[in-house]
Amino acid sequence: MILIKVADISNEARPMEVAEPWLDRLLQEFFKQSDAEKLEGLPVTPFMDRDKVTKPSSQVSFIGLVLLPLFEALGELLPELQVFHLFIHTFIYLCLEISSM
């Protein structure tokens, strides 16, 4: 079961040229949802609000809270997958660099 979940959310563990287009699509989907919530007068899902979320901040939070712990657990089960930690840490570094500009 963990393999299916990791595969589903693994784009940030891939090279930047693969990960970033998927991230852009996901953020657009989130922003459309929060826009619809605002129009309907509903509470806005915090991590989907285009007025409060940036690409780097969303990714640092998602990677740190969700993706990295899953890959660390998977790496304990399948050590050959630990190489993905490098991609994940590189992506976090790039996001932090962008957000500090």
C-alpha atoms as a PDB file:
ATOM      1  CA  MET A   1       0.000   0.000   0.000  1.00  0.00           C
ATOM      2  CA  ILE A   2       2.815   2.429   0.814  1.00  0.00           C
ATOM      3  CA  LEU A   3       4.297   1.881  -2.664  1.00  0.00           C
ATOM      4  CA  ILE A   4       1.069   3.027  -4.306  1.00  0.00           C
ATOM      5  CA  LYS A   5       0.934   6.175  -2.171  1.00  0.00           C
ATOM      6  CA  VAL A   6       4.591   7.012  -2.757  1.00  0.00           C
ATOM      7  CA  ALA A   7       4.177   6.506  -6.509  1.00  0.00           C
ATOM      8  CA  ASP A   8       1.132   8.782  -6.472  1.00  0.00           C
ATOM      9  CA  ILE A   9       2.923  11.691  -4.813  1.00  0.00           C
ATOM     10  CA  SER A  10       6.482  11.099  -6.000  1.00  0.00           C
ATOM     11  CA  ASN A  11       6.903  13.883  -8.562  1.00  0.00           C
ATOM     12  CA  GLU A  12       9.048  15.986  -6.231  1.00  0.00           C
ATOM     13  CA  ALA A  13      11.501  13.094  -6.041  1.00  0.00           C
ATOM     14  CA  ARG A  14      12.032  13.284  -9.786  1.00  0.00           C
ATOM     15  CA  PRO A  15      14.347  15.612 -11.685  1.00  0.00           C
ATOM     16  CA  MET A  16      13.208  19.244 -11.723  1.00  0.00           C
ATOM     17  CA  GLU A  17      12.249  19.192 -15.415  1.00  0.00           C
ATOM     18  CA  VAL A  18       9.758  16.417 -14.634  1.00  0.00           C
ATOM     19  CA  ALA A  19       8.583  17.630 -11.226  1.00  0.00           C
ATOM     20  CA  GLU A  20       7.902  21.286 -11.934  1.00  0.00           C
ATOM     21  CA  PRO A  21       5.270  20.927 -14.700  1.00  0.00           C
ATOM     22  CA  TRP A  22       3.303  18.553 -12.451  1.00  0.00           C
ATOM     23  CA  LEU A  23       3.590  20.989  -9.561  1.00  0.00           C
ATOM     24  CA  ASP A  24       2.279  23.826 -11.739  1.00  0.00           C
ATOM     25  CA  ARG A  25      -0.721  21.719 -12.776  1.00  0.00           C
ATOM     26  CA  LEU A  26      -1.457  20.737  -9.199  1.00  0.00           C
ATOM     27  CA  LEU A  27      -1.287  24.310  -7.933  1.00  0.00           C
ATOM     28  CA  GLN A  28      -3.633  25.466 -10.695  1.00  0.00           C
ATOM     29  CA  GLU A  29      -6.109  22.760  -9.654  1.00  0.00           C
ATOM     30  CA  PHE A  30      -5.819  23.830  -6.005  1.00  0.00           C
ATOM     31  CA  PHE A  31      -6.238  27.506  -6.878  1.00  0.00           C
ATOM     32  CA  LYS A  32      -9.352  26.800  -8.961  1.00  0.00           C
ATOM     33  CA  GLN A  33     -10.849  24.973  -5.999  1.00  0.00           C
ATOM     34  CA  SER A  34     -10.112  27.808  -3.566  1.00  0.00           C
ATOM     35  CA  ASP A  35     -11.474  30.352  -6.043  1.00  0.00           C
ATOM     36  CA  ALA A  36     -14.718  28.351  -6.219  1.00  0.00           C
ATOM     37  CA  GLU A  37     -14.824  28.143  -2.407  1.00  0.00           C
ATOM     38  CA  LYS A  38     -14.484  31.931  -2.193  1.00  0.00           C
ATOM     39  CA  LEU A  39     -17.261  32.483  -4.750  1.00  0.00           C
ATOM     40  CA  GLU A  40     -19.584  30.197  -2.781  1.00  0.00           C
ATOM     41  CA  GLY A  41     -18.715  31.857   0.538  1.00  0.00           C
ATOM     42  CA  LEU A  42     -17.215  28.635   1.888  1.00  0.00           C
ATOM     43  CA  PRO A  43     -14.148  28.381   4.097  1.00  0.00           C
ATOM     44  CA  VAL A  44     -11.065  28.324   1.890  1.00  0.00           C
ATOM     45  CA  THR A  45      -8.740  25.364   2.174  1.00  0.00           C
ATOM     46  CA  PRO A  46      -5.553  27.040   3.507  1.00  0.00           C
ATOM     47  CA  PHE A  47      -2.963  25.278   1.343  1.00  0.00           C
ATOM     48  CA  MET A  48      -5.015  26.004  -1.783  1.00  0.00           C
ATOM     49  CA  ASP A  49      -5.457  29.781  -1.430  1.00  0.00           C
ATOM     50  CA  ARG A  50      -3.651  31.581  -4.257  1.00  0.00           C
ATOM     51  CA  ASP A  51      -3.517  34.738  -2.113  1.00  0.00           C
ATOM     52  CA  LYS A  52      -1.497  33.011   0.610  1.00  0.00           C
ATOM     53  CA  VAL A  53       0.407  30.170  -1.035  1.00  0.00           C
ATOM     54  CA  THR A  54       3.595  30.356  -3.082  1.00  0.00           C
ATOM     55  CA  LYS A  55       5.064  27.541  -5.109  1.00  0.00           C
ATOM     56  CA  PRO A  56       8.204  27.274  -2.949  1.00  0.00           C
ATOM     57  CA  SER A  57       6.360  27.450   0.374  1.00  0.00           C
ATOM     58  CA  SER A  58       3.821  24.840  -0.693  1.00  0.00           C
ATOM     59  CA  GLN A  59       6.528  22.446  -1.755  1.00  0.00           C
ATOM     60  CA  VAL A  60       8.752  22.859   1.280  1.00  0.00           C
ATOM     61  CA  SER A  61       5.770  22.116   3.517  1.00  0.00           C
ATOM     62  CA  PHE A  62       4.516  19.177   1.453  1.00  0.00           C
ATOM     63  CA  ILE A  63       7.936  17.622   1.037  1.00  0.00           C
ATOM     64  CA  GLY A  64       8.938  18.068   4.668  1.00  0.00           C
ATOM     65  CA  LEU A  65       5.662  16.912   6.195  1.00  0.00           C
ATOM     66  CA  VAL A  66       4.499  14.233   3.753  1.00  0.00           C
ATOM     67  CA  LEU A  67       6.918  13.150   1.053  1.00  0.00           C
ATOM     68  CA  LEU A  68      10.210  12.881   2.930  1.00  0.00           C
ATOM     69  CA  PRO A  69       8.810  10.816   5.827  1.00  0.00           C
ATOM     70  CA  LEU A  70       7.199   8.424   3.338  1.00  0.00           C
ATOM     71  CA  PHE A  71      10.414   8.028   1.355  1.00  0.00           C
ATOM     72  CA  GLU A  72      12.427   7.536   4.536  1.00  0.00           C
ATOM     73  CA  ALA A  73      10.072   4.742   5.606  1.00  0.00           C
ATOM     74  CA  LEU A  74      10.211   3.225   2.141  1.00  0.00           C
ATOM     75  CA  GLY A  75      14.021   3.467   2.130  1.00  0.00           C
ATOM     76  CA  GLU A  76      14.119   1.355   5.267  1.00  0.00           C
ATOM     77  CA  LEU A  77      12.084  -1.323   3.509  1.00  0.00           C
ATOM     78  CA  LEU A  78      13.839  -1.009   0.140  1.00  0.00           C
ATOM     79  CA  PRO A  79      17.350   0.483   0.593  1.00  0.00           C
ATOM     80  CA  GLU A  80      17.917   0.741  -3.167  1.00  0.00           C
ATOM     81  CA  LEU A  81      15.310   3.552  -3.233  1.00  0.00           C
ATOM     82  CA  GLN A  82      17.274   5.763  -0.845  1.00  0.00           C
ATOM     83  CA  VAL A  83      18.807   7.527  -3.861  1.00  0.00           C
ATOM     84  CA  PHE A  84      15.567   9.509  -4.151  1.00  0.00           C
ATOM     85  CA  HIS A  85      16.469  11.357  -0.937  1.00  0.00           C
ATOM     86  CA  LEU A  86      19.035  13.291  -2.984  1.00  0.00           C
ATOM     87  CA  PHE A  87      16.386  14.533  -5.407  1.00  0.00           C
ATOM     88  CA  ILE A  88      14.036  15.426  -2.565  1.00  0.00           C
ATOM     89  CA  HIS A  89      16.665  17.354  -0.613  1.00  0.00           C
ATOM     90  CA  THR A  90      17.791  19.154  -3.787  1.00  0.00           C
ATOM     91  CA  PHE A  91      14.209  20.205  -4.514  1.00  0.00           C
ATOM     92  CA  ILE A  92      13.755  21.506  -0.949  1.00  0.00           C
ATOM     93  CA  TYR A  93      16.997  23.491  -1.263  1.00  0.00           C
ATOM     94  CA  LEU A  94      15.884  25.030  -4.564  1.00  0.00           C
ATOM     95  CA  CYS A  95      12.482  25.936  -3.131  1.00  0.00           C
ATOM     96  CA  LEU A  96      14.084  27.615  -0.136  1.00  0.00           C
ATOM     97  CA  GLU A  97      16.485  29.523  -2.399  1.00  0.00           C
ATOM     98  CA  ILE A  98      13.615  30.760  -4.580  1.00  0.00           C
ATOM     99  CA  SER A  99      11.492  31.784  -1.606  1.00  0.00           C
ATOM    100  CA  SER A 100      14.331  33.835  -0.097  1.00  0.00           C
ATOM    101  CA  MET A 101      14.770  35.947  -3.263  1.00  0.00           C
END
